[in-house]
Amino acid sequence: MPTQKELADIKSHKEKLNKISELLDKLDERLACGEITEARYKEISDRYKAEAGKLKDHVTEQELMNEVGLEESEVKEKVVAETHEEVPEKPVFAPRNMKYCSNCGASIDEMAEICPQCGVRVMVPQVYRQAKSGGLAAVLSAIIPGLGQLYCGRGMRAAGFFVLNLFVLLLFSGASSESPNSGGTDFLFLLVIIVWIWNILDARKVARNPQ
């Protein structure tokens, strides 16, 4: 006859396998949402699957019944007969790698996004920005200063370059209308070219290094 401990072990193995299955489902969801890399996904899923394989290698419930020559109904009758006895609960399987909540310090699953103790979010989903074309940003800024930065989502930077280019251009226009052949006009013309080129290079840099 199977002992109470053997029946409890069978129940514990089933609970552990169910827990691993739930964790693998959550892991698939995180991979689909882009919250975890494929390399990290493979590392964690392989560890969970290896643990599940070890559990499945243990004596199954049916194998235990066949070994002791019992039918399923007899086992159920024994379980009912022993319900008055207190069966110690087996701990639920937990992943080997744990981390600590930054708010309350509780030890939690490394996959957890929210601490079950205090409810504080401990994992912030990564935000991936769409890459921008550096060449297109440079061309846009060459046509209209600041337009390339605006294309990259940097509105304040775009406004700054637009105002700067406009200011230098107005200075040059005023100086050339009053003293077209003076050295100051030549200097301002050179400054217009420098600021315009700086604006183009900056647009390309922003496109390659988004923030």
N, C-alpha and C. Protein backbone atom coordinates (compact mmCIF):
# COMPACT_ATOMS: atom_id res chain seq x y z
N MET A 1 0.85 -1.20 0.00
CA MET A 1 0.00 0.00 0.00
C MET A 1 0.89 1.25 0.00
N PRO A 2 0.61 2.23 -0.88
CA PRO A 2 1.42 3.45 -0.87
C PRO A 2 1.22 4.22 0.43
N THR A 3 2.29 4.74 0.92
CA THR A 3 2.22 5.49 2.17
C THR A 3 1.71 6.91 1.89
N GLN A 4 1.38 7.57 2.97
CA GLN A 4 0.92 8.95 2.87
C GLN A 4 2.00 9.84 2.27
N LYS A 5 3.26 9.56 2.60
CA LYS A 5 4.37 10.35 2.07
C LYS A 5 4.51 10.18 0.56
N GLU A 6 4.32 8.93 0.08
CA GLU A 6 4.42 8.69 -1.36
C GLU A 6 3.34 9.43 -2.13
N LEU A 7 2.12 9.42 -1.58
CA LEU A 7 1.01 10.14 -2.23
C LEU A 7 1.28 11.65 -2.23
N ALA A 8 1.84 12.14 -1.14
CA ALA A 8 2.15 13.57 -1.05
C ALA A 8 3.25 13.94 -2.05
N ASP A 9 4.23 13.02 -2.27
CA ASP A 9 5.29 13.27 -3.24
C ASP A 9 4.72 13.38 -4.65
N ILE A 10 3.75 12.50 -4.97
CA ILE A 10 3.11 12.53 -6.29
C ILE A 10 2.43 13.88 -6.50
N LYS A 11 1.70 14.32 -5.50
CA LYS A 11 1.00 15.62 -5.58
C LYS A 11 2.00 16.77 -5.74
N SER A 12 3.12 16.67 -5.01
CA SER A 12 4.13 17.72 -5.08
C SER A 12 4.74 17.80 -6.47
N HIS A 13 5.00 16.62 -7.09
CA HIS A 13 5.59 16.60 -8.43
C HIS A 13 4.64 17.23 -9.44
N LYS A 14 3.34 16.95 -9.31
CA LYS A 14 2.36 17.55 -10.21
C LYS A 14 2.31 19.07 -10.06
N GLU A 15 2.35 19.55 -8.83
CA GLU A 15 2.32 20.98 -8.59
C GLU A 15 3.56 21.67 -9.18
N LYS A 16 4.72 21.02 -9.03
CA LYS A 16 5.94 21.59 -9.57
C LYS A 16 5.89 21.67 -11.09
N LEU A 17 5.41 20.62 -11.73
CA LEU A 17 5.30 20.61 -13.19
C LEU A 17 4.32 21.68 -13.68
N ASN A 18 3.20 21.84 -12.97
CA ASN A 18 2.23 22.88 -13.33
C ASN A 18 2.85 24.28 -13.18
N LYS A 19 3.63 24.47 -12.12
CA LYS A 19 4.26 25.76 -11.88
C LYS A 19 5.27 26.08 -12.99
N ILE A 20 6.05 25.05 -13.40
CA ILE A 20 7.02 25.25 -14.48
C ILE A 20 6.32 25.61 -15.77
N SER A 21 5.19 24.93 -16.04
CA SER A 21 4.41 25.22 -17.25
C SER A 21 3.92 26.67 -17.26
N GLU A 22 3.45 27.15 -16.11
CA GLU A 22 2.98 28.55 -16.01
C GLU A 22 4.13 29.53 -16.24
N LEU A 23 5.30 29.23 -15.67
CA LEU A 23 6.44 30.11 -15.84
C LEU A 23 6.91 30.17 -17.30
N LEU A 24 6.87 29.01 -17.99
CA LEU A 24 7.25 28.98 -19.40
C LEU A 24 6.27 29.79 -20.25
N ASP A 25 4.95 29.72 -19.90
CA ASP A 25 3.96 30.52 -20.63
C ASP A 25 4.23 32.01 -20.46
N LYS A 26 4.54 32.43 -19.23
CA LYS A 26 4.84 33.84 -18.96
C LYS A 26 6.11 34.27 -19.70
N LEU A 27 7.08 33.33 -19.77
CA LEU A 27 8.33 33.63 -20.46
C LEU A 27 8.07 33.85 -21.95
N ASP A 28 7.17 33.04 -22.54
CA ASP A 28 6.81 33.22 -23.95
C ASP A 28 6.16 34.58 -24.19
N GLU A 29 5.30 35.01 -23.24
CA GLU A 29 4.64 36.30 -23.36
C GLU A 29 5.65 37.45 -23.32
N ARG A 30 6.61 37.35 -22.45
CA ARG A 30 7.63 38.41 -22.33
C ARG A 30 8.49 38.48 -23.58
N LEU A 31 8.81 37.31 -24.17
CA LEU A 31 9.59 37.29 -25.40
C LEU A 31 8.80 37.93 -26.54
N ALA A 32 7.49 37.63 -26.60
CA ALA A 32 6.64 38.19 -27.65
C ALA A 32 6.51 39.70 -27.52
N CYS A 33 6.54 40.22 -26.30
CA CYS A 33 6.42 41.66 -26.06
C CYS A 33 7.76 42.38 -26.18
N GLY A 34 8.84 41.62 -26.39
CA GLY A 34 10.15 42.24 -26.53
C GLY A 34 10.77 42.66 -25.22
N GLU A 35 10.28 42.11 -24.10
CA GLU A 35 10.80 42.50 -22.79
C GLU A 35 12.01 41.67 -22.37
N ILE A 36 12.39 40.67 -23.19
CA ILE A 36 13.53 39.82 -22.86
C ILE A 36 14.18 39.39 -24.16
N THR A 37 15.49 39.28 -24.17
CA THR A 37 16.20 38.89 -25.38
C THR A 37 16.04 37.39 -25.63
N GLU A 38 16.28 36.99 -26.88
CA GLU A 38 16.16 35.57 -27.22
C GLU A 38 17.20 34.73 -26.48
N ALA A 39 18.39 35.29 -26.29
CA ALA A 39 19.44 34.55 -25.58
C ALA A 39 19.03 34.30 -24.13
N ARG A 40 18.48 35.35 -23.48
CA ARG A 40 18.04 35.20 -22.09
C ARG A 40 16.85 34.25 -22.01
N TYR A 41 15.96 34.34 -23.01
CA TYR A 41 14.80 33.43 -23.06
C TYR A 41 15.26 31.99 -23.14
N LYS A 42 16.23 31.71 -24.02
CA LYS A 42 16.70 30.33 -24.18
C LYS A 42 17.37 29.82 -22.90
N GLU A 43 18.15 30.70 -22.25
CA GLU A 43 18.84 30.29 -21.02
C GLU A 43 17.85 29.89 -19.93
N ILE A 44 16.82 30.73 -19.72
CA ILE A 44 15.87 30.47 -18.65
C ILE A 44 14.96 29.29 -19.00
N SER A 45 14.48 29.22 -20.26
CA SER A 45 13.57 28.14 -20.64
C SER A 45 14.28 26.79 -20.60
N ASP A 46 15.57 26.75 -20.99
CA ASP A 46 16.32 25.49 -20.92
C ASP A 46 16.44 25.00 -19.48
N ARG A 47 16.63 25.96 -18.54
CA ARG A 47 16.76 25.58 -17.14
C ARG A 47 15.45 25.02 -16.60
N TYR A 48 14.33 25.70 -16.97
CA TYR A 48 13.02 25.21 -16.53
C TYR A 48 12.70 23.84 -17.13
N LYS A 49 13.02 23.66 -18.42
CA LYS A 49 12.72 22.39 -19.09
C LYS A 49 13.56 21.26 -18.51
N ALA A 50 14.80 21.58 -18.15
CA ALA A 50 15.65 20.56 -17.54
C ALA A 50 15.09 20.13 -16.18
N GLU A 51 14.58 21.11 -15.42
CA GLU A 51 13.98 20.79 -14.12
C GLU A 51 12.73 19.94 -14.31
N ALA A 52 11.94 20.26 -15.34
CA ALA A 52 10.73 19.48 -15.61
C ALA A 52 11.08 18.06 -16.02
N GLY A 53 12.17 17.91 -16.78
CA GLY A 53 12.59 16.57 -17.20
C GLY A 53 13.00 15.71 -16.02
N LYS A 54 13.65 16.32 -15.03
CA LYS A 54 14.03 15.57 -13.84
C LYS A 54 12.80 15.09 -13.06
N LEU A 55 11.79 15.97 -13.00
CA LEU A 55 10.57 15.59 -12.28
C LEU A 55 9.85 14.45 -12.99
N LYS A 56 9.82 14.51 -14.34
CA LYS A 56 9.12 13.47 -15.10
C LYS A 56 9.82 12.13 -15.00
N ASP A 57 11.13 12.15 -14.70
CA ASP A 57 11.88 10.91 -14.57
C ASP A 57 11.56 10.17 -13.28
N HIS A 58 10.93 10.84 -12.33
CA HIS A 58 10.56 10.20 -11.07
C HIS A 58 9.41 9.22 -11.29
N VAL A 59 9.12 8.45 -10.30
CA VAL A 59 8.03 7.48 -10.40
C VAL A 59 6.70 8.20 -10.57
N THR A 60 5.96 7.92 -11.64
CA THR A 60 4.67 8.56 -11.85
C THR A 60 3.61 7.92 -10.97
N GLU A 61 2.45 8.57 -10.94
CA GLU A 61 1.37 8.08 -10.09
C GLU A 61 0.89 6.70 -10.55
N GLN A 62 0.75 6.51 -11.86
CA GLN A 62 0.27 5.22 -12.36
C GLN A 62 1.31 4.13 -12.13
N GLU A 63 2.59 4.46 -12.32
CA GLU A 63 3.65 3.48 -12.09
C GLU A 63 3.68 3.06 -10.62
N LEU A 64 3.44 3.98 -9.72
CA LEU A 64 3.40 3.65 -8.30
C LEU A 64 2.25 2.71 -8.00
N MET A 65 1.08 2.97 -8.60
CA MET A 65 -0.08 2.10 -8.37
C MET A 65 0.17 0.71 -8.92
N ASN A 66 0.79 0.62 -10.12
CA ASN A 66 1.08 -0.69 -10.70
C ASN A 66 2.10 -1.45 -9.86
N GLU A 67 3.06 -0.71 -9.32
CA GLU A 67 4.12 -1.34 -8.54
C GLU A 67 3.57 -2.02 -7.28
N VAL A 68 2.60 -1.38 -6.65
CA VAL A 68 2.06 -1.95 -5.42
C VAL A 68 0.80 -2.79 -5.68
N GLY A 69 0.40 -2.92 -6.98
CA GLY A 69 -0.73 -3.77 -7.32
C GLY A 69 -2.07 -3.20 -6.92
N LEU A 70 -2.22 -1.88 -7.02
CA LEU A 70 -3.48 -1.26 -6.63
C LEU A 70 -4.18 -0.69 -7.85
N GLU A 71 -5.50 -0.64 -7.84
CA GLU A 71 -6.28 0.05 -8.85
C GLU A 71 -6.45 1.50 -8.42
N GLU A 72 -6.76 2.34 -9.36
CA GLU A 72 -6.91 3.77 -9.07
C GLU A 72 -7.98 4.02 -8.02
N SER A 73 -9.08 3.25 -8.04
CA SER A 73 -10.15 3.44 -7.08
C SER A 73 -9.70 3.13 -5.66
N GLU A 74 -8.80 2.13 -5.52
CA GLU A 74 -8.32 1.79 -4.19
C GLU A 74 -7.47 2.91 -3.61
N VAL A 75 -6.68 3.53 -4.49
CA VAL A 75 -5.85 4.63 -4.02
C VAL A 75 -6.73 5.78 -3.55
N LYS A 76 -7.79 6.08 -4.31
CA LYS A 76 -8.70 7.15 -3.93
C LYS A 76 -9.34 6.86 -2.58
N GLU A 77 -9.72 5.60 -2.33
CA GLU A 77 -10.33 5.23 -1.05
C GLU A 77 -9.35 5.45 0.09
N LYS A 78 -8.06 5.13 -0.18
CA LYS A 78 -7.06 5.32 0.87
C LYS A 78 -6.87 6.80 1.19
N VAL A 79 -6.88 7.64 0.12
CA VAL A 79 -6.70 9.08 0.33
C VAL A 79 -7.85 9.62 1.16
N VAL A 80 -9.10 9.18 0.85
CA VAL A 80 -10.26 9.65 1.59
C VAL A 80 -10.18 9.21 3.04
N ALA A 81 -9.69 8.00 3.26
CA ALA A 81 -9.60 7.47 4.62
C ALA A 81 -8.58 8.22 5.46
N GLU A 82 -7.58 8.81 4.80
CA GLU A 82 -6.51 9.47 5.55
C GLU A 82 -6.67 10.99 5.57
N THR A 83 -7.84 11.47 5.13
CA THR A 83 -8.02 12.93 5.09
C THR A 83 -8.01 13.55 6.49
N HIS A 84 -8.35 12.74 7.51
CA HIS A 84 -8.37 13.28 8.86
C HIS A 84 -6.96 13.53 9.38
N GLU A 85 -5.94 12.91 8.73
CA GLU A 85 -4.56 13.11 9.15
C GLU A 85 -4.00 14.32 8.40
N GLU A 86 -3.23 15.10 9.06
CA GLU A 86 -2.68 16.31 8.48
C GLU A 86 -1.49 15.97 7.61
N VAL A 87 -1.58 16.32 6.31
CA VAL A 87 -0.49 16.04 5.39
C VAL A 87 0.36 17.30 5.25
N PRO A 88 1.66 17.20 5.51
CA PRO A 88 2.51 18.40 5.38
C PRO A 88 2.58 18.87 3.93
N GLU A 89 2.44 20.17 3.76
CA GLU A 89 2.49 20.74 2.42
C GLU A 89 3.92 20.79 1.91
N LYS A 90 4.08 20.36 0.66
CA LYS A 90 5.39 20.45 0.03
C LYS A 90 5.59 21.86 -0.52
N PRO A 91 6.76 22.40 -0.41
CA PRO A 91 6.98 23.75 -0.96
C PRO A 91 6.83 23.75 -2.47
N VAL A 92 6.24 24.83 -2.99
CA VAL A 92 6.07 24.98 -4.42
C VAL A 92 7.42 25.25 -5.05
N PHE A 93 7.65 24.62 -6.19
CA PHE A 93 8.93 24.78 -6.88
C PHE A 93 9.20 26.24 -7.20
N ALA A 94 10.39 26.70 -6.88
CA ALA A 94 10.78 28.08 -7.16
C ALA A 94 12.04 28.07 -8.02
N PRO A 95 12.17 29.01 -8.95
CA PRO A 95 13.37 29.07 -9.78
C PRO A 95 14.61 29.27 -8.92
N ARG A 96 15.73 28.78 -9.41
CA ARG A 96 16.96 28.87 -8.63
C ARG A 96 17.43 30.32 -8.48
N ASN A 97 17.27 31.08 -9.54
CA ASN A 97 17.74 32.47 -9.49
C ASN A 97 16.67 33.38 -8.89
N MET A 98 17.04 34.11 -7.89
CA MET A 98 16.12 35.02 -7.22
C MET A 98 16.72 36.43 -7.24
N LYS A 99 15.88 37.41 -6.98
CA LYS A 99 16.35 38.78 -6.84
C LYS A 99 15.62 39.41 -5.66
N TYR A 100 16.01 40.62 -5.30
CA TYR A 100 15.42 41.29 -4.14
C TYR A 100 14.70 42.55 -4.57
N CYS A 101 13.55 42.77 -3.95
CA CYS A 101 12.76 43.97 -4.24
C CYS A 101 13.52 45.20 -3.73
N SER A 102 13.64 46.21 -4.58
CA SER A 102 14.36 47.42 -4.19
C SER A 102 13.59 48.25 -3.16
N ASN A 103 12.29 47.95 -2.99
CA ASN A 103 11.47 48.73 -2.06
C ASN A 103 11.41 48.10 -0.66
N CYS A 104 11.05 46.79 -0.62
CA CYS A 104 10.87 46.15 0.69
C CYS A 104 11.95 45.12 1.00
N GLY A 105 12.78 44.76 0.01
CA GLY A 105 13.87 43.81 0.24
C GLY A 105 13.46 42.36 0.22
N ALA A 106 12.21 42.05 -0.16
CA ALA A 106 11.75 40.66 -0.19
C ALA A 106 12.43 39.90 -1.31
N SER A 107 12.69 38.59 -1.09
CA SER A 107 13.27 37.73 -2.11
C SER A 107 12.16 37.28 -3.05
N ILE A 108 12.31 37.59 -4.36
CA ILE A 108 11.26 37.28 -5.33
C ILE A 108 11.86 36.62 -6.56
N ASP A 109 11.00 36.02 -7.38
CA ASP A 109 11.41 35.37 -8.62
C ASP A 109 12.06 36.40 -9.54
N GLU A 110 13.16 36.02 -10.19
CA GLU A 110 13.86 36.96 -11.07
C GLU A 110 13.01 37.38 -12.27
N MET A 111 11.95 36.60 -12.59
CA MET A 111 11.07 36.93 -13.71
C MET A 111 9.96 37.91 -13.30
N ALA A 112 9.78 38.11 -12.00
CA ALA A 112 8.67 38.94 -11.51
C ALA A 112 8.84 40.40 -11.92
N GLU A 113 7.76 41.00 -12.38
CA GLU A 113 7.76 42.42 -12.73
C GLU A 113 7.25 43.27 -11.57
N ILE A 114 6.40 42.68 -10.73
CA ILE A 114 5.83 43.40 -9.58
C ILE A 114 6.09 42.57 -8.32
N CYS A 115 6.55 43.21 -7.27
CA CYS A 115 6.81 42.53 -6.00
C CYS A 115 5.50 42.06 -5.39
N PRO A 116 5.34 40.75 -5.09
CA PRO A 116 4.09 40.26 -4.49
C PRO A 116 3.91 40.70 -3.04
N GLN A 117 4.98 41.19 -2.42
CA GLN A 117 4.89 41.61 -1.02
C GLN A 117 4.38 43.05 -0.86
N CYS A 118 4.98 43.97 -1.66
CA CYS A 118 4.61 45.38 -1.51
C CYS A 118 3.93 45.97 -2.73
N GLY A 119 3.90 45.23 -3.84
CA GLY A 119 3.20 45.69 -5.04
C GLY A 119 3.96 46.69 -5.88
N VAL A 120 5.23 46.95 -5.57
CA VAL A 120 6.03 47.92 -6.33
C VAL A 120 6.60 47.25 -7.58
N ARG A 121 6.56 47.95 -8.72
CA ARG A 121 7.13 47.40 -9.96
C ARG A 121 8.64 47.37 -9.84
N VAL A 122 9.22 46.18 -10.07
CA VAL A 122 10.66 46.01 -9.94
C VAL A 122 11.34 45.81 -11.28
N MET A 123 10.55 45.68 -12.34
CA MET A 123 11.13 45.52 -13.67
C MET A 123 10.44 46.48 -14.62
N VAL A 124 11.20 47.38 -15.21
CA VAL A 124 10.64 48.35 -16.14
C VAL A 124 10.82 47.83 -17.56
N PRO A 125 9.74 47.67 -18.31
CA PRO A 125 9.86 47.17 -19.68
C PRO A 125 10.77 48.07 -20.51
N GLN A 126 11.61 47.45 -21.31
CA GLN A 126 12.51 48.21 -22.16
C GLN A 126 11.74 48.82 -23.32
N VAL A 127 12.08 50.06 -23.62
CA VAL A 127 11.44 50.77 -24.73
C VAL A 127 12.44 50.85 -25.88
N TYR A 128 12.07 50.28 -26.98
CA TYR A 128 12.94 50.28 -28.14
C TYR A 128 12.50 51.37 -29.11
N ARG A 129 13.43 52.30 -29.43
CA ARG A 129 13.12 53.36 -30.37
C ARG A 129 13.45 52.92 -31.78
N GLN A 130 12.60 53.30 -32.73
CA GLN A 130 12.82 52.95 -34.11
C GLN A 130 14.02 53.71 -34.64
N ALA A 131 14.91 52.98 -35.33
CA ALA A 131 16.11 53.60 -35.86
C ALA A 131 15.75 54.59 -36.97
N LYS A 132 16.50 55.70 -37.01
CA LYS A 132 16.29 56.73 -38.02
C LYS A 132 17.46 56.72 -39.00
N SER A 133 17.20 57.16 -40.21
CA SER A 133 18.23 57.21 -41.25
C SER A 133 19.08 58.46 -41.08
N GLY A 134 20.40 58.25 -40.89
CA GLY A 134 21.29 59.39 -40.75
C GLY A 134 21.39 60.20 -42.03
N GLY A 135 21.37 59.52 -43.19
CA GLY A 135 21.44 60.23 -44.46
C GLY A 135 20.24 61.11 -44.70
N LEU A 136 19.05 60.55 -44.40
CA LEU A 136 17.82 61.32 -44.60
C LEU A 136 17.78 62.52 -43.66
N ALA A 137 18.21 62.31 -42.40
CA ALA A 137 18.23 63.42 -41.43
C ALA A 137 19.16 64.53 -41.90
N ALA A 138 20.33 64.16 -42.47
CA ALA A 138 21.28 65.17 -42.96
C ALA A 138 20.70 65.95 -44.13
N VAL A 139 20.03 65.24 -45.06
CA VAL A 139 19.44 65.91 -46.23
C VAL A 139 18.34 66.89 -45.80
N LEU A 140 17.51 66.45 -44.86
CA LEU A 140 16.43 67.32 -44.38
C LEU A 140 16.97 68.59 -43.74
N SER A 141 18.04 68.44 -42.93
CA SER A 141 18.62 69.61 -42.28
C SER A 141 19.36 70.50 -43.28
N ALA A 142 19.84 69.91 -44.37
CA ALA A 142 20.49 70.71 -45.40
C ALA A 142 19.47 71.59 -46.12
N ILE A 143 18.24 71.06 -46.28
CA ILE A 143 17.18 71.82 -46.94
C ILE A 143 16.63 72.90 -46.01
N ILE A 144 16.24 72.47 -44.80
CA ILE A 144 15.73 73.40 -43.79
C ILE A 144 16.44 73.11 -42.47
N PRO A 145 17.26 74.02 -41.98
CA PRO A 145 17.97 73.78 -40.71
C PRO A 145 17.02 73.36 -39.59
N GLY A 146 17.39 72.26 -38.90
CA GLY A 146 16.58 71.77 -37.78
C GLY A 146 15.57 70.71 -38.19
N LEU A 147 15.30 70.56 -39.49
CA LEU A 147 14.28 69.59 -39.92
C LEU A 147 14.74 68.16 -39.68
N GLY A 148 16.04 67.92 -39.83
CA GLY A 148 16.58 66.57 -39.56
C GLY A 148 16.45 66.19 -38.11
N GLN A 149 16.70 67.14 -37.21
CA GLN A 149 16.54 66.87 -35.78
C GLN A 149 15.07 66.63 -35.45
N LEU A 150 14.19 67.36 -36.09
CA LEU A 150 12.76 67.15 -35.86
C LEU A 150 12.33 65.78 -36.34
N TYR A 151 12.88 65.31 -37.43
CA TYR A 151 12.61 63.96 -37.96
C TYR A 151 13.03 62.89 -36.96
N CYS A 152 14.07 63.18 -36.19
CA CYS A 152 14.56 62.23 -35.19
C CYS A 152 13.84 62.36 -33.85
N GLY A 153 12.83 63.23 -33.79
CA GLY A 153 12.07 63.36 -32.56
C GLY A 153 12.67 64.31 -31.55
N ARG A 154 13.61 65.16 -31.96
CA ARG A 154 14.26 66.09 -31.04
C ARG A 154 13.77 67.50 -31.35
N GLY A 155 12.55 67.80 -30.93
CA GLY A 155 11.90 69.06 -31.26
C GLY A 155 12.63 70.29 -30.75
N MET A 156 13.07 70.27 -29.49
CA MET A 156 13.75 71.43 -28.91
C MET A 156 15.08 71.68 -29.63
N ARG A 157 15.79 70.60 -29.93
CA ARG A 157 17.07 70.74 -30.63
C ARG A 157 16.84 71.32 -32.04
N ALA A 158 15.77 70.84 -32.69
CA ALA A 158 15.44 71.33 -34.03
C ALA A 158 15.14 72.83 -33.99
N ALA A 159 14.35 73.25 -33.00
CA ALA A 159 14.01 74.68 -32.87
C ALA A 159 15.26 75.52 -32.63
N GLY A 160 16.19 74.99 -31.83
CA GLY A 160 17.42 75.72 -31.54
C GLY A 160 18.26 75.96 -32.78
N PHE A 161 18.42 74.90 -33.60
CA PHE A 161 19.23 75.05 -34.81
C PHE A 161 18.53 75.94 -35.84
N PHE A 162 17.21 75.85 -35.91
CA PHE A 162 16.48 76.69 -36.85
C PHE A 162 16.65 78.17 -36.50
N VAL A 163 16.49 78.49 -35.22
CA VAL A 163 16.62 79.89 -34.76
C VAL A 163 18.05 80.38 -34.95
N LEU A 164 19.03 79.51 -34.62
CA LEU A 164 20.44 79.91 -34.75
C LEU A 164 20.79 80.21 -36.21
N ASN A 165 20.39 79.32 -37.11
CA ASN A 165 20.68 79.53 -38.53
C ASN A 165 19.98 80.79 -39.06
N LEU A 166 18.73 80.97 -38.62
CA LEU A 166 17.99 82.15 -39.07
C LEU A 166 18.64 83.44 -38.56
N PHE A 167 19.10 83.43 -37.32
CA PHE A 167 19.73 84.61 -36.72
C PHE A 167 21.01 84.98 -37.46
N VAL A 168 21.85 83.98 -37.72
CA VAL A 168 23.12 84.24 -38.42
C VAL A 168 22.86 84.72 -39.84
N LEU A 169 21.85 84.11 -40.50
CA LEU A 169 21.52 84.50 -41.86
C LEU A 169 21.01 85.94 -41.92
N LEU A 170 20.21 86.33 -40.92
CA LEU A 170 19.71 87.72 -40.88
C LEU A 170 20.85 88.72 -40.65
N LEU A 171 21.81 88.34 -39.79
CA LEU A 171 22.97 89.19 -39.57
C LEU A 171 23.75 89.39 -40.86
N PHE A 172 23.94 88.29 -41.59
CA PHE A 172 24.69 88.37 -42.84
C PHE A 172 23.94 89.22 -43.87
N SER A 173 22.61 89.04 -43.94
CA SER A 173 21.81 89.81 -44.90
C SER A 173 21.87 91.31 -44.60
N GLY A 174 21.79 91.66 -43.30
CA GLY A 174 21.86 93.06 -42.92
C GLY A 174 23.21 93.67 -43.22
N ALA A 175 24.27 92.90 -42.92
CA ALA A 175 25.62 93.42 -43.15
C ALA A 175 25.92 93.56 -44.64
N SER A 176 25.46 92.60 -45.45
CA SER A 176 25.74 92.64 -46.89
C SER A 176 24.99 93.76 -47.57
N SER A 177 23.82 94.14 -47.04
CA SER A 177 23.06 95.23 -47.65
C SER A 177 23.67 96.59 -47.33
N GLU A 178 24.32 96.69 -46.16
CA GLU A 178 24.91 97.96 -45.75
C GLU A 178 26.35 98.11 -46.25
N SER A 179 27.13 97.04 -46.05
CA SER A 179 28.55 97.09 -46.47
C SER A 179 28.90 95.79 -47.19
N PRO A 180 28.53 95.66 -48.43
CA PRO A 180 28.73 94.40 -49.14
C PRO A 180 30.19 93.99 -49.31
N ASN A 181 31.11 94.93 -49.29
CA ASN A 181 32.51 94.60 -49.54
C ASN A 181 33.37 94.65 -48.29
N SER A 182 32.77 94.72 -47.12
CA SER A 182 33.55 94.80 -45.88
C SER A 182 33.99 93.42 -45.42
N GLY A 183 35.02 93.43 -44.55
CA GLY A 183 35.51 92.17 -44.00
C GLY A 183 34.50 91.51 -43.07
N GLY A 184 33.67 92.33 -42.41
CA GLY A 184 32.66 91.77 -41.52
C GLY A 184 31.64 90.95 -42.27
N THR A 185 31.32 91.38 -43.49
CA THR A 185 30.36 90.62 -44.30
C THR A 185 30.93 89.27 -44.69
N ASP A 186 32.21 89.27 -45.05
CA ASP A 186 32.85 87.99 -45.40
C ASP A 186 32.87 87.04 -44.20
N PHE A 187 33.15 87.61 -43.02
CA PHE A 187 33.17 86.78 -41.80
C PHE A 187 31.80 86.18 -41.52
N LEU A 188 30.75 87.00 -41.66
CA LEU A 188 29.39 86.51 -41.40
C LEU A 188 28.97 85.46 -42.42
N PHE A 189 29.41 85.62 -43.66
CA PHE A 189 29.11 84.61 -44.68
C PHE A 189 29.75 83.27 -44.31
N LEU A 190 31.02 83.33 -43.85
CA LEU A 190 31.71 82.12 -43.41
C LEU A 190 31.01 81.50 -42.21
N LEU A 191 30.51 82.36 -41.30
CA LEU A 191 29.79 81.87 -40.12
C LEU A 191 28.49 81.18 -40.51
N VAL A 192 27.80 81.72 -41.52
CA VAL A 192 26.56 81.09 -42.01
C VAL A 192 26.85 79.67 -42.52
N ILE A 193 27.93 79.53 -43.30
CA ILE A 193 28.31 78.21 -43.83
C ILE A 193 28.65 77.24 -42.71
N ILE A 194 29.41 77.71 -41.70
CA ILE A 194 29.83 76.84 -40.59
C ILE A 194 28.62 76.35 -39.79
N VAL A 195 27.71 77.27 -39.46
CA VAL A 195 26.52 76.90 -38.68
C VAL A 195 25.64 75.94 -39.48
N TRP A 196 25.53 76.17 -40.79
CA TRP A 196 24.71 75.30 -41.65
C TRP A 196 25.28 73.88 -41.70
N ILE A 197 26.63 73.78 -41.83
CA ILE A 197 27.28 72.46 -41.85
C ILE A 197 27.16 71.78 -40.48
N TRP A 198 27.33 72.56 -39.42
CA TRP A 198 27.17 72.00 -38.06
C TRP A 198 25.77 71.42 -37.89
N ASN A 199 24.76 72.13 -38.38
CA ASN A 199 23.38 71.67 -38.31
C ASN A 199 23.19 70.33 -39.02
N ILE A 200 23.85 70.16 -40.19
CA ILE A 200 23.74 68.91 -40.95
C ILE A 200 24.42 67.76 -40.20
N LEU A 201 25.64 68.01 -39.70
CA LEU A 201 26.37 66.96 -38.98
C LEU A 201 25.65 66.56 -37.70
N ASP A 202 25.07 67.54 -37.03
CA ASP A 202 24.34 67.23 -35.79
C ASP A 202 23.12 66.37 -36.07
N ALA A 203 22.42 66.63 -37.16
CA ALA A 203 21.24 65.83 -37.50
C ALA A 203 21.63 64.38 -37.75
N ARG A 204 22.75 64.19 -38.42
CA ARG A 204 23.23 62.82 -38.68
C ARG A 204 23.64 62.13 -37.38
N LYS A 205 24.29 62.88 -36.48
CA LYS A 205 24.70 62.32 -35.20
C LYS A 205 23.50 61.91 -34.35
N VAL A 206 22.47 62.76 -34.31
CA VAL A 206 21.27 62.47 -33.53
C VAL A 206 20.57 61.23 -34.06
N ALA A 207 20.54 61.07 -35.39
CA ALA A 207 19.89 59.90 -35.99
C ALA A 207 20.61 58.61 -35.62
N ARG A 208 21.93 58.66 -35.51
CA ARG A 208 22.71 57.46 -35.18
C ARG A 208 22.71 57.15 -33.68
N ASN A 209 22.48 58.17 -32.86
CA ASN A 209 22.49 57.98 -31.40
C ASN A 209 21.21 58.52 -30.80
N PRO A 210 20.06 57.83 -31.02
CA PRO A 210 18.79 58.32 -30.46
C PRO A 210 18.79 58.18 -28.95
N GLN A 211 18.04 59.04 -28.26
CA GLN A 211 17.94 59.00 -26.80
C GLN A 211 16.50 58.81 -26.39
